[in-house]
């Protein structure tokens, strides 16, 4: 893997990107980048069209960054599209409720739940869990779905 440092203004957003990046998300990403630096490269194809990292690119532009880490992949358009769709889909999966609650408890103990960088409202599943003291591994088991009849339990 070869990471290059490129001007984010030279990267080309994929015109049909199926994942929107509203201004509040770009603002939150910009705050994360300011706080924790740029720790995940943007991935582009050989024509500098973004495959992964549209939001991070917008945040970098908002921050006025001159160079960001970029991985350039030589791929066919169809492979780039598949990679883009899979990346957007895979990062949008449900949380493990027990593990999420453990993280929230640690964040709460460090007074980080009310920071400008994070709010439990960012994770829909988090709001009902922040103050649940009776939660156990058993009570927070993620939902299951029968592949045959779609019954949820």
N, C-alpha and C. Protein backbone atom coordinates (compact mmCIF):
# COMPACT_ATOMS: atom_id res chain seq x y z
N UNK A 1 0.86 -1.17 0.00
CA UNK A 1 0.00 0.00 0.00
C UNK A 1 0.90 1.23 0.00
N UNK A 2 0.66 2.10 -0.93
CA UNK A 2 1.46 3.30 -1.07
C UNK A 2 0.59 4.52 -0.75
N UNK A 3 0.89 5.20 0.35
CA UNK A 3 0.14 6.38 0.73
C UNK A 3 0.84 7.61 0.18
N UNK A 4 0.06 8.42 -0.53
CA UNK A 4 0.55 9.68 -1.06
C UNK A 4 -0.14 10.81 -0.31
N UNK A 5 0.46 11.98 -0.33
CA UNK A 5 -0.17 13.14 0.29
C UNK A 5 -0.56 14.10 -0.83
N UNK A 6 -1.89 14.26 -1.00
CA UNK A 6 -2.42 15.05 -2.10
C UNK A 6 -3.30 16.17 -1.58
N UNK A 7 -3.45 17.21 -2.38
CA UNK A 7 -4.35 18.31 -2.08
C UNK A 7 -5.78 17.79 -2.19
N UNK A 8 -6.60 17.92 -1.13
CA UNK A 8 -7.97 17.40 -1.21
C UNK A 8 -8.80 18.05 -2.32
N UNK A 9 -8.42 19.27 -2.73
CA UNK A 9 -9.15 19.93 -3.81
C UNK A 9 -8.92 19.27 -5.16
N UNK A 10 -7.88 18.42 -5.27
CA UNK A 10 -7.62 17.73 -6.54
C UNK A 10 -8.39 16.42 -6.64
N UNK A 11 -9.00 15.98 -5.53
CA UNK A 11 -9.76 14.73 -5.54
C UNK A 11 -11.15 14.99 -6.09
N UNK A 12 -11.66 14.04 -6.85
CA UNK A 12 -12.94 14.20 -7.54
C UNK A 12 -14.01 13.37 -6.84
N UNK A 13 -15.03 14.03 -6.29
CA UNK A 13 -16.12 13.26 -5.69
C UNK A 13 -16.81 12.40 -6.74
N UNK A 14 -17.18 11.19 -6.38
CA UNK A 14 -17.93 10.34 -7.29
C UNK A 14 -19.32 10.93 -7.43
N UNK A 15 -19.74 11.29 -8.64
CA UNK A 15 -21.01 12.00 -8.80
C UNK A 15 -22.24 11.21 -8.35
N UNK A 16 -22.18 9.90 -8.34
CA UNK A 16 -23.33 9.11 -7.94
C UNK A 16 -23.17 8.49 -6.57
N UNK A 17 -22.35 9.11 -5.70
CA UNK A 17 -22.14 8.52 -4.37
C UNK A 17 -23.47 8.40 -3.64
N UNK A 18 -23.78 7.20 -3.18
CA UNK A 18 -25.09 6.94 -2.59
C UNK A 18 -25.17 7.31 -1.11
N UNK A 19 -24.05 7.72 -0.52
CA UNK A 19 -24.08 8.09 0.90
C UNK A 19 -23.95 9.61 1.02
N UNK A 20 -25.02 10.26 1.49
CA UNK A 20 -24.96 11.72 1.63
C UNK A 20 -24.09 12.12 2.82
N UNK A 21 -23.54 13.31 2.74
CA UNK A 21 -22.73 13.86 3.83
C UNK A 21 -23.26 15.24 4.16
N UNK A 22 -24.28 15.30 5.05
CA UNK A 22 -24.87 16.59 5.41
C UNK A 22 -23.86 17.47 6.14
N UNK A 23 -24.08 18.78 6.14
CA UNK A 23 -23.12 19.71 6.76
C UNK A 23 -22.77 19.37 8.20
N UNK A 24 -23.74 18.91 8.99
CA UNK A 24 -23.44 18.59 10.39
C UNK A 24 -22.48 17.39 10.50
N UNK A 25 -22.56 16.46 9.58
CA UNK A 25 -21.62 15.33 9.59
C UNK A 25 -20.23 15.81 9.20
N UNK A 26 -20.15 16.66 8.19
CA UNK A 26 -18.85 17.19 7.75
C UNK A 26 -18.22 17.98 8.90
N UNK A 27 -19.03 18.77 9.60
CA UNK A 27 -18.54 19.54 10.75
C UNK A 27 -18.01 18.60 11.84
N UNK A 28 -18.75 17.52 12.13
CA UNK A 28 -18.30 16.56 13.14
C UNK A 28 -17.00 15.88 12.70
N UNK A 29 -16.91 15.52 11.43
CA UNK A 29 -15.67 14.91 10.93
C UNK A 29 -14.50 15.90 11.03
N UNK A 30 -14.76 17.16 10.73
CA UNK A 30 -13.70 18.17 10.83
C UNK A 30 -13.20 18.29 12.26
N UNK A 31 -14.13 18.25 13.23
CA UNK A 31 -13.72 18.32 14.64
C UNK A 31 -12.89 17.09 15.02
N UNK A 32 -13.30 15.92 14.53
CA UNK A 32 -12.53 14.70 14.80
C UNK A 32 -11.12 14.80 14.22
N UNK A 33 -11.02 15.29 13.01
CA UNK A 33 -9.71 15.42 12.36
C UNK A 33 -8.85 16.42 13.13
N UNK A 34 -9.43 17.51 13.58
CA UNK A 34 -8.68 18.49 14.37
C UNK A 34 -8.18 17.87 15.66
N UNK A 35 -9.03 17.10 16.31
CA UNK A 35 -8.69 16.51 17.61
C UNK A 35 -7.72 15.34 17.49
N UNK A 36 -7.97 14.44 16.54
CA UNK A 36 -7.22 13.19 16.48
C UNK A 36 -6.34 13.05 15.24
N UNK A 37 -6.29 14.08 14.43
CA UNK A 37 -5.51 14.10 13.19
C UNK A 37 -6.18 13.22 12.13
N UNK A 38 -5.58 13.19 10.97
CA UNK A 38 -6.12 12.44 9.84
C UNK A 38 -5.55 11.04 9.92
N UNK A 39 -6.33 10.09 10.44
CA UNK A 39 -5.79 8.75 10.70
C UNK A 39 -6.33 7.66 9.77
N UNK A 40 -7.06 8.05 8.75
CA UNK A 40 -7.60 7.08 7.80
C UNK A 40 -7.50 7.67 6.40
N UNK A 41 -6.65 7.09 5.55
CA UNK A 41 -6.48 7.67 4.21
C UNK A 41 -7.76 7.60 3.39
N UNK A 42 -7.88 8.54 2.48
CA UNK A 42 -8.93 8.52 1.47
C UNK A 42 -8.45 7.56 0.39
N UNK A 43 -9.36 6.83 -0.23
CA UNK A 43 -9.00 5.92 -1.31
C UNK A 43 -9.61 6.46 -2.60
N UNK A 44 -8.76 6.56 -3.63
CA UNK A 44 -9.22 7.05 -4.93
C UNK A 44 -8.79 6.08 -6.02
N UNK A 45 -9.41 6.23 -7.20
CA UNK A 45 -8.97 5.41 -8.33
C UNK A 45 -7.85 6.16 -9.07
N UNK A 46 -7.39 5.59 -10.14
CA UNK A 46 -6.26 6.15 -10.89
C UNK A 46 -6.58 7.52 -11.50
N UNK A 47 -7.86 7.88 -11.56
CA UNK A 47 -8.27 9.20 -12.08
C UNK A 47 -8.55 10.19 -10.95
N UNK A 48 -8.22 9.79 -9.72
CA UNK A 48 -8.43 10.59 -8.51
C UNK A 48 -9.90 10.74 -8.14
N UNK A 49 -10.75 9.83 -8.63
CA UNK A 49 -12.16 9.81 -8.23
C UNK A 49 -12.24 9.07 -6.90
N UNK A 50 -12.91 9.67 -5.94
CA UNK A 50 -12.98 9.10 -4.59
C UNK A 50 -13.78 7.80 -4.58
N UNK A 51 -13.16 6.79 -3.98
CA UNK A 51 -13.84 5.51 -3.74
C UNK A 51 -14.33 5.49 -2.29
N UNK A 52 -13.44 5.79 -1.36
CA UNK A 52 -13.76 5.83 0.07
C UNK A 52 -13.22 7.13 0.65
N UNK A 53 -14.07 7.85 1.38
CA UNK A 53 -13.58 9.04 2.05
C UNK A 53 -14.16 10.35 1.58
N UNK A 54 -15.36 10.32 1.01
CA UNK A 54 -16.00 11.56 0.58
C UNK A 54 -16.15 12.54 1.76
N UNK A 55 -16.65 12.04 2.88
CA UNK A 55 -16.85 12.89 4.05
C UNK A 55 -15.56 13.45 4.61
N UNK A 56 -14.54 12.60 4.70
CA UNK A 56 -13.24 13.05 5.20
C UNK A 56 -12.63 14.10 4.27
N UNK A 57 -12.82 13.92 2.96
CA UNK A 57 -12.31 14.90 2.01
C UNK A 57 -13.00 16.25 2.20
N UNK A 58 -14.32 16.23 2.34
CA UNK A 58 -15.07 17.47 2.56
C UNK A 58 -14.62 18.15 3.86
N UNK A 59 -14.39 17.35 4.90
CA UNK A 59 -13.94 17.91 6.18
C UNK A 59 -12.55 18.52 6.04
N UNK A 60 -11.66 17.86 5.30
CA UNK A 60 -10.31 18.39 5.09
C UNK A 60 -10.36 19.71 4.32
N UNK A 61 -11.23 19.80 3.34
CA UNK A 61 -11.39 21.04 2.58
C UNK A 61 -11.92 22.14 3.50
N UNK A 62 -12.90 21.79 4.33
CA UNK A 62 -13.46 22.75 5.29
C UNK A 62 -12.38 23.28 6.22
N UNK A 63 -11.44 22.42 6.60
CA UNK A 63 -10.36 22.82 7.50
C UNK A 63 -9.23 23.55 6.78
N UNK A 64 -9.30 23.60 5.45
CA UNK A 64 -8.25 24.27 4.69
C UNK A 64 -6.96 23.48 4.61
N UNK A 65 -7.05 22.16 4.76
CA UNK A 65 -5.85 21.33 4.70
C UNK A 65 -5.29 21.34 3.28
N UNK A 66 -3.97 21.41 3.19
CA UNK A 66 -3.32 21.44 1.87
C UNK A 66 -2.99 20.04 1.37
N UNK A 67 -2.78 19.10 2.29
CA UNK A 67 -2.43 17.73 1.91
C UNK A 67 -3.10 16.76 2.87
N UNK A 68 -3.62 15.67 2.31
CA UNK A 68 -4.20 14.60 3.13
C UNK A 68 -3.67 13.27 2.62
N UNK A 69 -3.66 12.23 3.48
CA UNK A 69 -3.19 10.92 3.04
C UNK A 69 -4.20 10.27 2.09
N UNK A 70 -3.66 9.77 0.98
CA UNK A 70 -4.51 9.19 -0.06
C UNK A 70 -3.86 7.91 -0.57
N UNK A 71 -4.67 6.90 -0.78
CA UNK A 71 -4.23 5.67 -1.44
C UNK A 71 -4.83 5.68 -2.84
N UNK A 72 -3.97 5.56 -3.83
CA UNK A 72 -4.43 5.52 -5.23
C UNK A 72 -4.46 4.06 -5.66
N UNK A 73 -5.63 3.59 -6.08
CA UNK A 73 -5.79 2.21 -6.56
C UNK A 73 -6.07 2.23 -8.05
N UNK A 74 -5.37 1.36 -8.78
CA UNK A 74 -5.65 1.19 -10.20
C UNK A 74 -6.70 0.09 -10.31
N UNK A 75 -7.94 0.51 -10.58
CA UNK A 75 -9.06 -0.43 -10.62
C UNK A 75 -10.00 -0.08 -11.75
N UNK A 76 -10.76 -1.09 -12.19
CA UNK A 76 -11.81 -0.85 -13.17
C UNK A 76 -12.96 -0.10 -12.49
N UNK A 77 -13.74 0.63 -13.27
CA UNK A 77 -14.85 1.39 -12.72
C UNK A 77 -15.81 0.49 -11.93
N UNK A 78 -16.12 -0.68 -12.46
CA UNK A 78 -17.07 -1.58 -11.78
C UNK A 78 -16.53 -2.02 -10.42
N UNK A 79 -15.24 -2.28 -10.34
CA UNK A 79 -14.63 -2.70 -9.07
C UNK A 79 -14.65 -1.53 -8.08
N UNK A 80 -14.37 -0.32 -8.57
CA UNK A 80 -14.42 0.86 -7.71
C UNK A 80 -15.84 1.06 -7.17
N UNK A 81 -16.84 0.87 -8.04
CA UNK A 81 -18.24 1.01 -7.62
C UNK A 81 -18.59 -0.02 -6.55
N UNK A 82 -18.18 -1.26 -6.78
CA UNK A 82 -18.44 -2.32 -5.80
C UNK A 82 -17.78 -1.99 -4.47
N UNK A 83 -16.53 -1.56 -4.50
CA UNK A 83 -15.80 -1.21 -3.30
C UNK A 83 -16.50 -0.07 -2.55
N UNK A 84 -16.98 0.93 -3.29
CA UNK A 84 -17.67 2.08 -2.70
C UNK A 84 -18.97 1.64 -2.03
N UNK A 85 -19.76 0.84 -2.73
CA UNK A 85 -21.04 0.37 -2.18
C UNK A 85 -20.82 -0.50 -0.95
N UNK A 86 -19.87 -1.42 -1.02
CA UNK A 86 -19.61 -2.30 0.12
C UNK A 86 -19.10 -1.51 1.32
N UNK A 87 -18.22 -0.55 1.08
CA UNK A 87 -17.70 0.25 2.19
C UNK A 87 -18.83 1.03 2.86
N UNK A 88 -19.70 1.66 2.09
CA UNK A 88 -20.82 2.39 2.66
C UNK A 88 -21.77 1.46 3.40
N UNK A 89 -22.01 0.30 2.86
CA UNK A 89 -22.93 -0.65 3.49
C UNK A 89 -22.33 -1.23 4.78
N UNK A 90 -21.09 -1.63 4.74
CA UNK A 90 -20.48 -2.30 5.88
C UNK A 90 -20.32 -1.39 7.09
N UNK A 91 -20.10 -0.10 6.88
CA UNK A 91 -19.95 0.80 8.02
C UNK A 91 -21.30 1.22 8.59
N UNK A 92 -22.38 0.80 7.98
CA UNK A 92 -23.72 1.18 8.44
C UNK A 92 -24.44 0.03 9.15
N UNK A 93 -23.70 -0.93 9.64
CA UNK A 93 -24.31 -2.08 10.30
C UNK A 93 -24.72 -1.74 11.73
N UNK A 94 -25.53 -2.62 12.33
CA UNK A 94 -25.97 -2.43 13.71
C UNK A 94 -24.81 -2.61 14.67
N UNK A 95 -24.95 -2.03 15.86
CA UNK A 95 -23.95 -2.16 16.92
C UNK A 95 -24.25 -3.37 17.77
N UNK A 96 -23.20 -3.95 18.36
CA UNK A 96 -23.38 -4.94 19.41
C UNK A 96 -23.78 -4.14 20.65
N UNK A 97 -25.01 -4.33 21.12
CA UNK A 97 -25.56 -3.48 22.18
C UNK A 97 -24.76 -3.55 23.48
N UNK A 98 -24.30 -4.72 23.85
CA UNK A 98 -23.55 -4.85 25.10
C UNK A 98 -22.22 -4.09 25.02
N UNK A 99 -21.50 -4.29 23.93
CA UNK A 99 -20.20 -3.61 23.77
C UNK A 99 -20.38 -2.10 23.67
N UNK A 100 -21.41 -1.66 22.96
CA UNK A 100 -21.68 -0.23 22.85
C UNK A 100 -21.96 0.36 24.22
N UNK A 101 -22.75 -0.33 25.03
CA UNK A 101 -23.05 0.17 26.37
C UNK A 101 -21.79 0.27 27.20
N UNK A 102 -20.90 -0.70 27.09
CA UNK A 102 -19.64 -0.64 27.85
C UNK A 102 -18.82 0.59 27.44
N UNK A 103 -18.75 0.84 26.14
CA UNK A 103 -18.04 2.03 25.66
C UNK A 103 -18.69 3.30 26.19
N UNK A 104 -20.02 3.35 26.15
CA UNK A 104 -20.73 4.53 26.63
C UNK A 104 -20.49 4.77 28.12
N UNK A 105 -20.43 3.69 28.90
CA UNK A 105 -20.15 3.84 30.33
C UNK A 105 -18.77 4.43 30.57
N UNK A 106 -17.78 3.97 29.81
CA UNK A 106 -16.43 4.52 29.94
C UNK A 106 -16.42 5.99 29.54
N UNK A 107 -17.07 6.31 28.39
CA UNK A 107 -17.13 7.71 27.95
C UNK A 107 -17.83 8.58 28.98
N UNK A 108 -18.89 8.06 29.58
CA UNK A 108 -19.63 8.81 30.59
C UNK A 108 -18.74 9.04 31.82
N UNK A 109 -17.99 8.03 32.24
CA UNK A 109 -17.12 8.17 33.41
C UNK A 109 -16.00 9.18 33.18
N UNK A 110 -15.64 9.41 31.94
CA UNK A 110 -14.58 10.37 31.60
C UNK A 110 -15.18 11.72 31.18
N UNK A 111 -16.50 11.88 31.37
CA UNK A 111 -17.20 13.11 30.99
C UNK A 111 -17.04 13.45 29.51
N UNK A 112 -17.02 12.44 28.66
CA UNK A 112 -16.87 12.67 27.23
C UNK A 112 -18.18 12.54 26.46
N UNK A 113 -19.24 12.14 27.13
CA UNK A 113 -20.52 12.01 26.42
C UNK A 113 -21.10 13.36 26.04
N UNK A 114 -20.70 14.40 26.73
CA UNK A 114 -21.25 15.72 26.41
C UNK A 114 -20.25 16.58 25.65
N UNK A 115 -19.17 15.97 25.19
CA UNK A 115 -18.17 16.76 24.46
C UNK A 115 -18.72 17.19 23.11
N UNK A 116 -18.07 18.17 22.53
CA UNK A 116 -18.48 18.65 21.21
C UNK A 116 -18.26 17.59 20.14
N UNK A 117 -17.41 16.60 20.43
CA UNK A 117 -17.10 15.58 19.43
C UNK A 117 -18.10 14.44 19.43
N UNK A 118 -18.82 14.24 20.52
CA UNK A 118 -19.71 13.08 20.57
C UNK A 118 -20.96 13.40 21.36
N UNK A 119 -22.05 12.91 20.84
CA UNK A 119 -23.32 12.97 21.55
C UNK A 119 -23.97 11.61 21.35
N UNK A 120 -24.59 11.04 22.39
CA UNK A 120 -25.27 9.76 22.20
C UNK A 120 -26.29 9.78 21.08
N UNK A 121 -26.79 10.96 20.73
CA UNK A 121 -27.76 11.07 19.64
C UNK A 121 -27.16 10.69 18.30
N UNK A 122 -25.82 10.67 18.21
CA UNK A 122 -25.16 10.28 16.97
C UNK A 122 -25.39 8.81 16.66
N UNK A 123 -25.64 8.03 17.69
CA UNK A 123 -25.89 6.60 17.53
C UNK A 123 -27.29 6.34 18.04
N UNK A 124 -28.25 6.11 17.15
CA UNK A 124 -29.64 5.97 17.59
C UNK A 124 -29.84 4.95 18.71
N UNK A 125 -29.09 3.86 18.67
CA UNK A 125 -29.24 2.83 19.69
C UNK A 125 -28.73 3.28 21.05
N UNK A 126 -27.94 4.36 21.10
CA UNK A 126 -27.29 4.76 22.33
C UNK A 126 -28.22 5.48 23.30
N UNK A 127 -29.12 6.28 22.79
CA UNK A 127 -29.96 7.10 23.67
C UNK A 127 -30.68 6.29 24.75
N UNK A 128 -31.36 5.20 24.42
CA UNK A 128 -32.05 4.48 25.49
C UNK A 128 -31.12 3.73 26.42
N UNK A 129 -29.84 3.58 26.04
CA UNK A 129 -28.93 2.77 26.86
C UNK A 129 -28.08 3.57 27.82
N UNK A 130 -27.93 4.85 27.62
CA UNK A 130 -26.98 5.62 28.42
C UNK A 130 -27.27 5.50 29.91
N UNK A 131 -28.53 5.55 30.30
CA UNK A 131 -28.86 5.51 31.73
C UNK A 131 -29.45 4.18 32.19
N UNK A 132 -29.32 3.14 31.39
CA UNK A 132 -29.85 1.83 31.78
C UNK A 132 -28.87 1.13 32.68
N UNK A 133 -29.15 1.09 33.96
CA UNK A 133 -28.23 0.44 34.90
C UNK A 133 -28.50 -1.06 35.01
N UNK A 134 -29.69 -1.50 34.62
CA UNK A 134 -30.04 -2.92 34.75
C UNK A 134 -29.57 -3.75 33.56
N UNK A 135 -29.00 -3.13 32.56
CA UNK A 135 -28.61 -3.84 31.34
C UNK A 135 -27.52 -4.87 31.62
N UNK A 136 -27.71 -6.03 31.04
CA UNK A 136 -26.73 -7.10 31.14
C UNK A 136 -26.44 -7.60 29.73
N UNK A 137 -25.48 -8.47 29.62
CA UNK A 137 -25.18 -9.04 28.32
C UNK A 137 -26.42 -9.70 27.75
N UNK A 138 -27.18 -10.43 28.57
CA UNK A 138 -28.36 -11.11 28.10
C UNK A 138 -29.44 -10.14 27.64
N UNK A 139 -29.65 -9.07 28.39
CA UNK A 139 -30.73 -8.14 28.05
C UNK A 139 -30.40 -7.24 26.87
N UNK A 140 -29.13 -7.15 26.49
CA UNK A 140 -28.74 -6.30 25.39
C UNK A 140 -28.35 -7.07 24.14
N UNK A 141 -28.74 -8.33 24.08
CA UNK A 141 -28.41 -9.15 22.93
C UNK A 141 -29.01 -8.52 21.68
N UNK A 142 -28.23 -8.50 20.61
CA UNK A 142 -28.72 -7.88 19.38
C UNK A 142 -29.88 -8.68 18.81
N UNK A 143 -30.68 -8.03 18.00
CA UNK A 143 -31.83 -8.68 17.39
C UNK A 143 -31.38 -9.75 16.40
N UNK A 144 -32.18 -10.76 16.31
CA UNK A 144 -31.92 -11.84 15.35
C UNK A 144 -33.07 -11.89 14.36
N UNK A 145 -32.77 -12.36 13.16
CA UNK A 145 -33.79 -12.43 12.13
C UNK A 145 -33.71 -13.80 11.47
N UNK A 146 -34.84 -14.49 11.42
CA UNK A 146 -34.89 -15.79 10.77
C UNK A 146 -34.73 -15.57 9.26
N UNK A 147 -33.76 -16.27 8.63
CA UNK A 147 -33.57 -16.09 7.20
C UNK A 147 -34.72 -16.61 6.34
N UNK A 148 -35.54 -17.49 6.91
CA UNK A 148 -36.64 -18.07 6.15
C UNK A 148 -37.91 -17.21 6.20
N UNK A 149 -38.29 -16.81 7.42
CA UNK A 149 -39.58 -16.12 7.55
C UNK A 149 -39.45 -14.67 7.99
N UNK A 150 -38.25 -14.20 8.30
CA UNK A 150 -37.97 -12.84 8.70
C UNK A 150 -38.49 -12.50 10.10
N UNK A 151 -38.85 -13.54 10.90
CA UNK A 151 -39.29 -13.31 12.27
C UNK A 151 -38.12 -12.73 13.07
N UNK A 152 -38.37 -11.65 13.84
CA UNK A 152 -37.33 -11.01 14.65
C UNK A 152 -37.50 -11.41 16.12
N UNK A 153 -36.37 -11.69 16.79
CA UNK A 153 -36.39 -11.94 18.23
C UNK A 153 -35.15 -11.44 18.88
